[in-house]
Structures are given as C-alpha cells and as structure tokens.
C-alpha cells in the first residue's frame, strides 16, 4: 500500500507473495481473476484517493475496504473520516490500517497512535479488525528498516500486543512473502492467531509467508474498477461479516 508522507508520491512496489488458498495465478491484472468469481471484492485506500464516491464504489462491487488511518507515530490520513465513515454509510464493511515504519519508534508506540486515531474495533459486523501494513521500506535502502530479524519479530509482537490490549483482537498482517521471509527470518510466531492479508499483484499461485497455511485477504492488483488497490476476501459474504464481528 502507499506511503502518504510529503512529497506525496505513490511509490512503485515489488510484490512477491502468493495466494495458495485461492489457487489463482498469472501476471499483472486489469480485472478480477475469473477463478475468483463469487469472492467478496474489496479495496484499500489512502490519502491518494482523497474523497471517495462510496455509492459508486459499491455499485461497482465493493463489499469491503481498508482505509489508511496512520503511519509511524506522527502521520494521519487527512481523508480518513470521509473514507471510513462514508464507506460504512454506503453499506460497505470497513476497517482501518496502519503503515508501519519500524525505524521511527516502537511497535507499542505506533499501535497506540493508531488506536488513538482511527484504529479501534467494535463487534458490530461492519468493522474489520485493525490491520498492520508491514512491508518494503520506502524511505531508505535499509530494506528491513535497520532491524535484525529478531528485532523485527519483537517489533511486530509489540504492536500486536498493544492492539489486542486495546481492542481484544489481534491485527490482520498485510505483507509480502519475500519481505516477511527476509525481514522476520520466516517467523512462524504469528500465523496461528493473526489473519494474513497477502500482497501479490499477480494471478499466479505461490508459497505463503512462513507460519501461515491460508490467507484471509489477497491484494491482487494496484488498480482496477475500485478506487485504490484491488482485494478479495477468501470466503463468502456471510463469512466476511462473521470475521468482522469476531
């Protein structure tokens, strides 16, 4: 997903992850994979999408959306309120995500900032659990934000523990297979109790990050019919609602 710090420039990302549970494959997509027909479609947005026409998004098939709330411990999406509240008013299941910058501050500090600025969750069936976007470093050549593999695992645990303390739920983890295996050493510490949101702009199947045997969300393209990145939920609409309720 996109960084939002000024200068506001959408960066190119190299995505290397897979969708074994959906068994989908190919090259960069312009449309939803045919084999994924029937899966609830969704998207994720940030300040790059500004004020979104949510009724139009719903008419084009949006059933869920993740909205960027915060980044590091200083940045807030100025369009968050419109994107988060109005998507719900349009009848779209929505949740908030945080873009992690582990080189700036602790996981606990960034989680607390996220919770204070839109990351809260409630069991109403319309609010997805908070999500942690942890991926390629857009600000430096230090690919793992300068952290050791153990240090990165501990950072994620610190973030997760604070989110659970404040909401009662573990965050969804958005990542790529390559980044995860490189920067956490393929940690298996999160797969049991953290839902996976896998980023791979492709339609080919491949290996999941170590620790997970299936995914919950799949980001399969960075553009399409819906504003922002294109996503699928790995289940039915009723399962999506149950997932939201916890």
C-alpha atoms as a PDB file:
ATOM      1  CA  UNK A   1       0.000   0.000   0.000  1.00  0.00           C
ATOM      2  CA  UNK A   2       1.051   3.586  -0.374  1.00  0.00           C
ATOM      3  CA  UNK A   3       3.039   5.867   1.837  1.00  0.00           C
ATOM      4  CA  UNK A   4       1.454   9.259   2.447  1.00  0.00           C
ATOM      5  CA  UNK A   5       4.260  11.465   3.704  1.00  0.00           C
ATOM      6  CA  UNK A   6       5.101  14.554   1.674  1.00  0.00           C
ATOM      7  CA  UNK A   7       6.195  14.681  -1.022  1.00  0.00           C
ATOM      8  CA  UNK A   8       3.025  12.682  -1.740  1.00  0.00           C
ATOM      9  CA  UNK A   9       4.371  10.358  -4.392  1.00  0.00           C
ATOM     10  CA  UNK A  10       2.952   6.913  -4.975  1.00  0.00           C
ATOM     11  CA  UNK A  11       5.881   4.575  -4.929  1.00  0.00           C
ATOM     12  CA  UNK A  12       6.418   1.525  -7.038  1.00  0.00           C
ATOM     13  CA  UNK A  13       6.445  -1.662  -5.028  1.00  0.00           C
ATOM     14  CA  UNK A  14       7.860  -5.002  -5.900  1.00  0.00           C
ATOM     15  CA  UNK A  15       5.296  -7.518  -4.695  1.00  0.00           C
ATOM     16  CA  UNK A  16       6.285 -11.116  -4.189  1.00  0.00           C
ATOM     17  CA  UNK A  17       3.709 -13.150  -2.326  1.00  0.00           C
ATOM     18  CA  UNK A  18       1.157 -15.832  -3.112  1.00  0.00           C
ATOM     19  CA  UNK A  19      -2.390 -16.931  -2.799  1.00  0.00           C
ATOM     20  CA  UNK A  20      -2.238 -20.662  -2.281  1.00  0.00           C
ATOM     21  CA  UNK A  21      -5.645 -20.815  -0.591  1.00  0.00           C
ATOM     22  CA  UNK A  22      -7.328 -19.231  -3.607  1.00  0.00           C
ATOM     23  CA  UNK A  23      -5.130 -21.103  -6.105  1.00  0.00           C
ATOM     24  CA  UNK A  24      -5.031 -18.223  -8.527  1.00  0.00           C
ATOM     25  CA  UNK A  25      -2.239 -17.303 -10.903  1.00  0.00           C
ATOM     26  CA  UNK A  26      -0.851 -15.159 -13.762  1.00  0.00           C
ATOM     27  CA  UNK A  27       0.644 -11.761 -14.488  1.00  0.00           C
ATOM     28  CA  UNK A  28      -0.454  -8.256 -13.501  1.00  0.00           C
ATOM     29  CA  UNK A  29      -4.220  -8.000 -13.694  1.00  0.00           C
ATOM     30  CA  UNK A  30      -6.645  -5.457 -15.017  1.00  0.00           C
ATOM     31  CA  UNK A  31      -9.702  -7.444 -13.921  1.00  0.00           C
ATOM     32  CA  UNK A  32     -10.608  -9.793 -11.099  1.00  0.00           C
ATOM     33  CA  UNK A  33      -9.399 -13.360 -11.797  1.00  0.00           C
ATOM     34  CA  UNK A  34     -12.112 -15.493 -13.366  1.00  0.00           C
ATOM     35  CA  UNK A  35     -11.432 -18.307 -10.898  1.00  0.00           C
ATOM     36  CA  UNK A  36     -12.207 -15.924  -8.019  1.00  0.00           C
ATOM     37  CA  UNK A  37     -15.778 -15.279  -9.109  1.00  0.00           C
ATOM     38  CA  UNK A  38     -18.084 -15.122  -6.111  1.00  0.00           C
ATOM     39  CA  UNK A  39     -15.440 -13.964  -3.637  1.00  0.00           C
ATOM     40  CA  UNK A  40     -16.352 -10.630  -1.992  1.00  0.00           C
ATOM     41  CA  UNK A  41     -14.463  -7.845  -3.735  1.00  0.00           C
ATOM     42  CA  UNK A  42     -12.847  -5.008  -1.865  1.00  0.00           C
ATOM     43  CA  UNK A  43     -10.119  -2.403  -1.985  1.00  0.00           C
ATOM     44  CA  UNK A  44      -7.845  -0.297   0.186  1.00  0.00           C
ATOM     45  CA  UNK A  45      -7.479   3.469   0.068  1.00  0.00           C
ATOM     46  CA  UNK A  46      -5.292   6.218   1.486  1.00  0.00           C
ATOM     47  CA  UNK A  47      -4.949   9.971   1.015  1.00  0.00           C
ATOM     48  CA  UNK A  48      -4.093   9.339  -2.639  1.00  0.00           C
ATOM     49  CA  UNK A  49      -7.768   8.558  -3.319  1.00  0.00           C
ATOM     50  CA  UNK A  50      -8.975  11.688  -1.460  1.00  0.00           C
ATOM     51  CA  UNK A  51     -12.775  11.885  -1.051  1.00  0.00           C
ATOM     52  CA  UNK A  52     -14.176   8.653  -2.466  1.00  0.00           C
ATOM     53  CA  UNK A  53     -17.593   8.266  -4.075  1.00  0.00           C
ATOM     54  CA  UNK A  54     -18.668   5.301  -1.982  1.00  0.00           C
ATOM     55  CA  UNK A  55     -22.042   4.691  -3.588  1.00  0.00           C
ATOM     56  CA  UNK A  56     -20.261   4.412  -6.928  1.00  0.00           C
ATOM     57  CA  UNK A  57     -17.676   2.047  -5.438  1.00  0.00           C
ATOM     58  CA  UNK A  58     -20.446  -0.129  -4.042  1.00  0.00           C
ATOM     59  CA  UNK A  59     -22.241  -0.163  -7.392  1.00  0.00           C
ATOM     60  CA  UNK A  60     -19.013  -1.467  -8.938  1.00  0.00           C
ATOM     61  CA  UNK A  61     -18.871  -4.342  -6.497  1.00  0.00           C
ATOM     62  CA  UNK A  62     -17.082  -3.084  -3.373  1.00  0.00           C
ATOM     63  CA  UNK A  63     -18.128  -5.112  -0.352  1.00  0.00           C
ATOM     64  CA  UNK A  64     -15.269  -4.212   1.990  1.00  0.00           C
ATOM     65  CA  UNK A  65     -12.496  -1.649   2.242  1.00  0.00           C
ATOM     66  CA  UNK A  66      -9.448  -0.976   4.385  1.00  0.00           C
ATOM     67  CA  UNK A  67      -8.740   2.714   4.972  1.00  0.00           C
ATOM     68  CA  UNK A  68      -5.322   4.039   5.897  1.00  0.00           C
ATOM     69  CA  UNK A  69      -5.511   5.790   9.249  1.00  0.00           C
ATOM     70  CA  UNK A  70      -1.927   6.408  10.323  1.00  0.00           C
ATOM     71  CA  UNK A  71       1.767   5.994   9.563  1.00  0.00           C
ATOM     72  CA  UNK A  72       4.616   5.793  12.073  1.00  0.00           C
ATOM     73  CA  UNK A  73       3.636   7.855  15.158  1.00  0.00           C
ATOM     74  CA  UNK A  74       3.151  11.254  13.533  1.00  0.00           C
ATOM     75  CA  UNK A  75       1.101  10.951  10.332  1.00  0.00           C
ATOM     76  CA  UNK A  76      -2.701  10.881   9.996  1.00  0.00           C
ATOM     77  CA  UNK A  77      -4.613  10.431   6.742  1.00  0.00           C
ATOM     78  CA  UNK A  78      -6.449  13.764   6.260  1.00  0.00           C
ATOM     79  CA  UNK A  79      -9.232  11.985   4.338  1.00  0.00           C
ATOM     80  CA  UNK A  80      -9.713   9.246   6.911  1.00  0.00           C
ATOM     81  CA  UNK A  81     -13.026  10.473   8.342  1.00  0.00           C
ATOM     82  CA  UNK A  82     -14.718  10.736   4.951  1.00  0.00           C
ATOM     83  CA  UNK A  83     -13.317   7.448   3.737  1.00  0.00           C
ATOM     84  CA  UNK A  84     -14.003   5.464   6.908  1.00  0.00           C
ATOM     85  CA  UNK A  85     -17.406   6.832   7.909  1.00  0.00           C
ATOM     86  CA  UNK A  86     -18.917   7.303   4.477  1.00  0.00           C
ATOM     87  CA  UNK A  87     -17.948   3.801   3.316  1.00  0.00           C
ATOM     88  CA  UNK A  88     -19.887   2.415   6.267  1.00  0.00           C
ATOM     89  CA  UNK A  89     -22.835   4.691   5.463  1.00  0.00           C
ATOM     90  CA  UNK A  90     -22.818   3.261   1.944  1.00  0.00           C
ATOM     91  CA  UNK A  91     -23.163  -0.259   3.345  1.00  0.00           C
ATOM     92  CA  UNK A  92     -19.558  -1.364   2.900  1.00  0.00           C
ATOM     93  CA  UNK A  93     -17.734  -3.315   5.607  1.00  0.00           C
ATOM     94  CA  UNK A  94     -14.663  -1.276   6.501  1.00  0.00           C
ATOM     95  CA  UNK A  95     -11.565  -1.326   8.652  1.00  0.00           C
ATOM     96  CA  UNK A  96      -8.505   0.808   9.336  1.00  0.00           C
ATOM     97  CA  UNK A  97      -4.848   0.069   8.695  1.00  0.00           C
ATOM     98  CA  UNK A  98      -1.540   1.435   9.923  1.00  0.00           C
ATOM     99  CA  UNK A  99       1.579   1.776   7.752  1.00  0.00           C
ATOM    100  CA  UNK A 100       4.492   0.661   9.911  1.00  0.00           C
ATOM    101  CA  UNK A 101       7.826   2.462   9.933  1.00  0.00           C
ATOM    102  CA  UNK A 102       9.753   0.377  12.493  1.00  0.00           C
ATOM    103  CA  UNK A 103      12.860   2.551  12.259  1.00  0.00           C
ATOM    104  CA  UNK A 104      10.992   5.539  13.725  1.00  0.00           C
ATOM    105  CA  UNK A 105       9.578   4.246  17.018  1.00  0.00           C
ATOM    106  CA  UNK A 106       8.493   1.127  18.889  1.00  0.00           C
ATOM    107  CA  UNK A 107       5.662  -1.138  17.857  1.00  0.00           C
ATOM    108  CA  UNK A 108       3.769  -0.269  21.028  1.00  0.00           C
ATOM    109  CA  UNK A 109       4.064   3.467  20.381  1.00  0.00           C
ATOM    110  CA  UNK A 110       2.860   3.180  16.803  1.00  0.00           C
ATOM    111  CA  UNK A 111      -0.006   0.903  17.810  1.00  0.00           C
ATOM    112  CA  UNK A 112      -1.103   3.365  20.498  1.00  0.00           C
ATOM    113  CA  UNK A 113      -1.028   6.197  17.952  1.00  0.00           C
ATOM    114  CA  UNK A 114      -3.067   4.065  15.529  1.00  0.00           C
ATOM    115  CA  UNK A 115      -5.613   3.228  18.208  1.00  0.00           C
ATOM    116  CA  UNK A 116      -5.969   6.902  19.105  1.00  0.00           C
ATOM    117  CA  UNK A 117      -6.519   7.984  15.505  1.00  0.00           C
ATOM    118  CA  UNK A 118      -8.978   5.565  13.959  1.00  0.00           C
ATOM    119  CA  UNK A 119      -7.691   2.064  14.586  1.00  0.00           C
ATOM    120  CA  UNK A 120     -10.315   0.995  17.109  1.00  0.00           C
ATOM    121  CA  UNK A 121     -12.550  -2.013  16.514  1.00  0.00           C
ATOM    122  CA  UNK A 122     -16.041  -2.956  17.626  1.00  0.00           C
ATOM    123  CA  UNK A 123     -18.069  -6.125  17.139  1.00  0.00           C
ATOM    124  CA  UNK A 124     -20.829  -4.610  15.008  1.00  0.00           C
ATOM    125  CA  UNK A 125     -20.319  -6.746  11.909  1.00  0.00           C
ATOM    126  CA  UNK A 126     -19.298  -3.684   9.914  1.00  0.00           C
ATOM    127  CA  UNK A 127     -15.828  -3.071  11.357  1.00  0.00           C
ATOM    128  CA  UNK A 128     -12.906  -5.199  10.232  1.00  0.00           C
ATOM    129  CA  UNK A 129     -10.130  -5.826  12.754  1.00  0.00           C
ATOM    130  CA  UNK A 130      -7.236  -3.338  12.695  1.00  0.00           C
ATOM    131  CA  UNK A 131      -4.555  -4.113  10.127  1.00  0.00           C
ATOM    132  CA  UNK A 132      -0.784  -3.690  10.230  1.00  0.00           C
ATOM    133  CA  UNK A 133       0.852  -2.870   6.889  1.00  0.00           C
ATOM    134  CA  UNK A 134       4.439  -4.108   7.259  1.00  0.00           C
ATOM    135  CA  UNK A 135       6.470  -4.241   4.048  1.00  0.00           C
ATOM    136  CA  UNK A 136       9.250  -2.763   1.913  1.00  0.00           C
ATOM    137  CA  UNK A 137      10.920   0.363   3.327  1.00  0.00           C
ATOM    138  CA  UNK A 138      10.015   3.300   1.009  1.00  0.00           C
ATOM    139  CA  UNK A 139      12.255   5.779   2.806  1.00  0.00           C
ATOM    140  CA  UNK A 140      15.635   4.099   2.871  1.00  0.00           C
ATOM    141  CA  UNK A 141      17.780   1.413   1.264  1.00  0.00           C
ATOM    142  CA  UNK A 142      17.709  -0.370   4.606  1.00  0.00           C
ATOM    143  CA  UNK A 143      15.233  -2.994   3.455  1.00  0.00           C
ATOM    144  CA  UNK A 144      14.274  -4.171   6.925  1.00  0.00           C
ATOM    145  CA  UNK A 145      14.298  -0.704   8.489  1.00  0.00           C
ATOM    146  CA  UNK A 146      17.678  -1.467  10.015  1.00  0.00           C
ATOM    147  CA  UNK A 147      16.237  -4.100  12.371  1.00  0.00           C
ATOM    148  CA  UNK A 148      17.567  -7.603  12.837  1.00  0.00           C
ATOM    149  CA  UNK A 149      15.202 -10.498  12.174  1.00  0.00           C
ATOM    150  CA  UNK A 150      14.665 -10.941  15.911  1.00  0.00           C
ATOM    151  CA  UNK A 151      14.224  -7.216  16.336  1.00  0.00           C
ATOM    152  CA  UNK A 152      11.552  -7.131  13.636  1.00  0.00           C
ATOM    153  CA  UNK A 153       9.652 -10.039  15.165  1.00  0.00           C
ATOM    154  CA  UNK A 154       9.725  -8.303  18.530  1.00  0.00           C
ATOM    155  CA  UNK A 155       8.535  -5.033  16.942  1.00  0.00           C
ATOM    156  CA  UNK A 156       5.539  -6.768  15.387  1.00  0.00           C
ATOM    157  CA  UNK A 157       4.756  -8.550  18.656  1.00  0.00           C
ATOM    158  CA  UNK A 158       4.861  -5.236  20.496  1.00  0.00           C
ATOM    159  CA  UNK A 159       2.457  -3.676  18.004  1.00  0.00           C
ATOM    160  CA  UNK A 160       0.139  -6.683  18.111  1.00  0.00           C
ATOM    161  CA  UNK A 161       0.081  -6.865  21.898  1.00  0.00           C
ATOM    162  CA  UNK A 162      -0.944  -3.223  22.194  1.00  0.00           C
ATOM    163  CA  UNK A 163      -3.705  -3.623  19.611  1.00  0.00           C
ATOM    164  CA  UNK A 164      -5.017  -6.687  21.417  1.00  0.00           C
ATOM    165  CA  UNK A 165      -4.842  -4.911  24.768  1.00  0.00           C
ATOM    166  CA  UNK A 166      -6.967  -2.057  23.476  1.00  0.00           C
ATOM    167  CA  UNK A 167      -9.387  -3.910  21.195  1.00  0.00           C
ATOM    168  CA  UNK A 168      -9.404  -7.560  22.215  1.00  0.00           C
ATOM    169  CA  UNK A 169      -8.333  -8.619  18.724  1.00  0.00           C
ATOM    170  CA  UNK A 170      -5.044  -9.344  17.058  1.00  0.00           C
ATOM    171  CA  UNK A 171      -4.307  -7.218  13.992  1.00  0.00           C
ATOM    172  CA  UNK A 172      -4.510  -8.526  10.463  1.00  0.00           C
ATOM    173  CA  UNK A 173      -0.994  -8.560   8.998  1.00  0.00           C
ATOM    174  CA  UNK A 174      -0.515  -7.202   5.475  1.00  0.00           C
ATOM    175  CA  UNK A 175       2.796  -8.225   3.930  1.00  0.00           C
ATOM    176  CA  UNK A 176       4.541  -9.985   1.062  1.00  0.00           C
ATOM    177  CA  UNK A 177       6.128 -13.408   1.171  1.00  0.00           C
ATOM    178  CA  UNK A 178       9.544 -12.093   0.169  1.00  0.00           C
ATOM    179  CA  UNK A 179       9.625  -9.283   2.711  1.00  0.00           C
ATOM    180  CA  UNK A 180       8.321 -11.487   5.521  1.00  0.00           C
ATOM    181  CA  UNK A 181      10.729 -14.303   4.972  1.00  0.00           C
ATOM    182  CA  UNK A 182      13.674 -11.917   4.564  1.00  0.00           C
ATOM    183  CA  UNK A 183      12.970  -9.492   7.390  1.00  0.00           C
ATOM    184  CA  UNK A 184      11.480 -11.783  10.045  1.00  0.00           C
ATOM    185  CA  UNK A 185      13.507 -14.819   9.068  1.00  0.00           C
ATOM    186  CA  UNK A 186      10.285 -16.548   8.102  1.00  0.00           C
ATOM    187  CA  UNK A 187       8.856 -16.240  11.597  1.00  0.00           C
ATOM    188  CA  UNK A 188       6.081 -18.706  12.409  1.00  0.00           C
ATOM    189  CA  UNK A 189       5.054 -16.794  15.520  1.00  0.00           C
ATOM    190  CA  UNK A 190       2.008 -15.061  14.012  1.00  0.00           C
ATOM    191  CA  UNK A 191       0.210 -17.494  11.715  1.00  0.00           C
ATOM    192  CA  UNK A 192      -1.852 -19.143  14.425  1.00  0.00           C
ATOM    193  CA  UNK A 193      -3.650 -16.027  15.669  1.00  0.00           C
ATOM    194  CA  UNK A 194      -3.120 -13.304  13.048  1.00  0.00           C
ATOM    195  CA  UNK A 195      -5.112 -13.230   9.817  1.00  0.00           C
ATOM    196  CA  UNK A 196      -2.952 -12.834   6.713  1.00  0.00           C
ATOM    197  CA  UNK A 197      -3.542 -10.120   4.120  1.00  0.00           C
ATOM    198  CA  UNK A 198      -1.260 -11.109   1.298  1.00  0.00           C
ATOM    199  CA  UNK A 199       0.046  -8.668  -1.296  1.00  0.00           C
ATOM    200  CA  UNK A 200       0.835 -10.066  -4.714  1.00  0.00           C
ATOM    201  CA  UNK A 201      -0.037  -8.189  -7.877  1.00  0.00           C
ATOM    202  CA  UNK A 202      -0.489 -11.270  -9.997  1.00  0.00           C
ATOM    203  CA  UNK A 203      -2.818 -14.151 -10.616  1.00  0.00           C
ATOM    204  CA  UNK A 204      -0.274 -16.912 -10.068  1.00  0.00           C
ATOM    205  CA  UNK A 205      -0.268 -19.117  -7.028  1.00  0.00           C
ATOM    206  CA  UNK A 206       2.838 -19.445  -4.882  1.00  0.00           C
ATOM    207  CA  UNK A 207       4.064 -20.008  -1.377  1.00  0.00           C
ATOM    208  CA  UNK A 208       2.590 -18.126   1.567  1.00  0.00           C
ATOM    209  CA  UNK A 209       4.821 -16.417   4.127  1.00  0.00           C
ATOM    210  CA  UNK A 210       6.103 -18.941   6.626  1.00  0.00           C
ATOM    211  CA  UNK A 211       3.767 -19.516   9.526  1.00  0.00           C
ATOM    212  CA  UNK A 212       0.529 -19.301   7.541  1.00  0.00           C
ATOM    213  CA  UNK A 213      -1.332 -22.136   5.872  1.00  0.00           C
ATOM    214  CA  UNK A 214      -4.041 -19.938   4.345  1.00  0.00           C
ATOM    215  CA  UNK A 215      -4.842 -16.292   3.732  1.00  0.00           C
ATOM    216  CA  UNK A 216      -7.825 -14.146   4.642  1.00  0.00           C
ATOM    217  CA  UNK A 217      -7.380 -11.248   2.198  1.00  0.00           C
ATOM    218  CA  UNK A 218      -5.497 -11.048  -1.086  1.00  0.00           C
ATOM    219  CA  UNK A 219      -4.385  -7.803  -2.713  1.00  0.00           C
ATOM    220  CA  UNK A 220      -4.079  -8.889  -6.327  1.00  0.00           C
ATOM    221  CA  UNK A 221      -3.587  -5.583  -8.158  1.00  0.00           C
ATOM    222  CA  UNK A 222      -2.803  -1.929  -7.522  1.00  0.00           C
ATOM    223  CA  UNK A 223      -5.519  -0.593  -9.826  1.00  0.00           C
ATOM    224  CA  UNK A 224      -8.847  -1.656 -11.248  1.00  0.00           C
ATOM    225  CA  UNK A 225     -12.555  -0.883 -11.083  1.00  0.00           C
ATOM    226  CA  UNK A 226     -12.436   0.200  -7.453  1.00  0.00           C
ATOM    227  CA  UNK A 227     -10.504   3.173  -6.040  1.00  0.00           C
ATOM    228  CA  UNK A 228      -7.043   2.198  -4.802  1.00  0.00           C
ATOM    229  CA  UNK A 229      -5.661  -1.333  -4.612  1.00  0.00           C
ATOM    230  CA  UNK A 230      -7.849  -4.315  -5.501  1.00  0.00           C
ATOM    231  CA  UNK A 231      -8.555  -7.047  -2.957  1.00  0.00           C
ATOM    232  CA  UNK A 232     -10.513 -10.248  -2.403  1.00  0.00           C
ATOM    233  CA  UNK A 233     -11.806 -11.877   0.772  1.00  0.00           C
ATOM    234  CA  UNK A 234     -11.144 -15.611   0.953  1.00  0.00           C
ATOM    235  CA  UNK A 235     -14.656 -16.690   1.821  1.00  0.00           C
ATOM    236  CA  UNK A 236     -18.309 -15.776   1.436  1.00  0.00           C
ATOM    237  CA  UNK A 237     -20.052 -12.527   2.332  1.00  0.00           C
ATOM    238  CA  UNK A 238     -21.549 -14.106   5.436  1.00  0.00           C
ATOM    239  CA  UNK A 239     -18.082 -15.275   6.475  1.00  0.00           C
ATOM    240  CA  UNK A 240     -16.763 -11.752   5.965  1.00  0.00           C
ATOM    241  CA  UNK A 241     -19.437 -10.410   8.302  1.00  0.00           C
ATOM    242  CA  UNK A 242     -18.594 -13.084  10.887  1.00  0.00           C
ATOM    243  CA  UNK A 243     -14.914 -12.241  10.588  1.00  0.00           C
ATOM    244  CA  UNK A 244     -15.759  -8.584  11.198  1.00  0.00           C
ATOM    245  CA  UNK A 245     -17.833  -9.426  14.278  1.00  0.00           C
ATOM    246  CA  UNK A 246     -15.044 -11.542  15.711  1.00  0.00           C
END
